[in-house]
């Protein structure tokens, strides 16, 4: 098993327990985390975050609205400097400060690609089908301030 696959398995295994510490420990100092989701509402964490501090800020925006309940590996394809994973994820969408919005269980299939440098994550990108997300979980998400 490639080191990159072992890294992804251990980090995402912890994510399945809502534990982000192995992910943070695996970050390269010059990391870039990119999320294309900038639509507001349940996806208000979008953008590009640089350095550990930037990624921690981005994750704080994710964690302000989501609790990870499950993050199961479906497939991992690994090389020396890059690794792709496909996962079944279950999340609880619960924007804690916005009590007028009911919590909602979310099941999605998610892909993650990491580029690695010195056996650490230098670039993180994750993808999921937002259109299917809204079909499965309703399109009546309230607009939230960004």
Foldseek 3Di string as FASTA:
>chain_A
DALLVVLVVVQLVCVLVVHNVSQLVQADQFAKEAECQCPAFLRPLGDIATGSVRVVVSVVVNVLFKGWNGWAWPDKDDDHFKIKTKTWTWMWGHNPVCVVDDIDIFIWIKMWMFGDDPSGGRYIYMDTDVVVRCVVGHDPGDGDDD
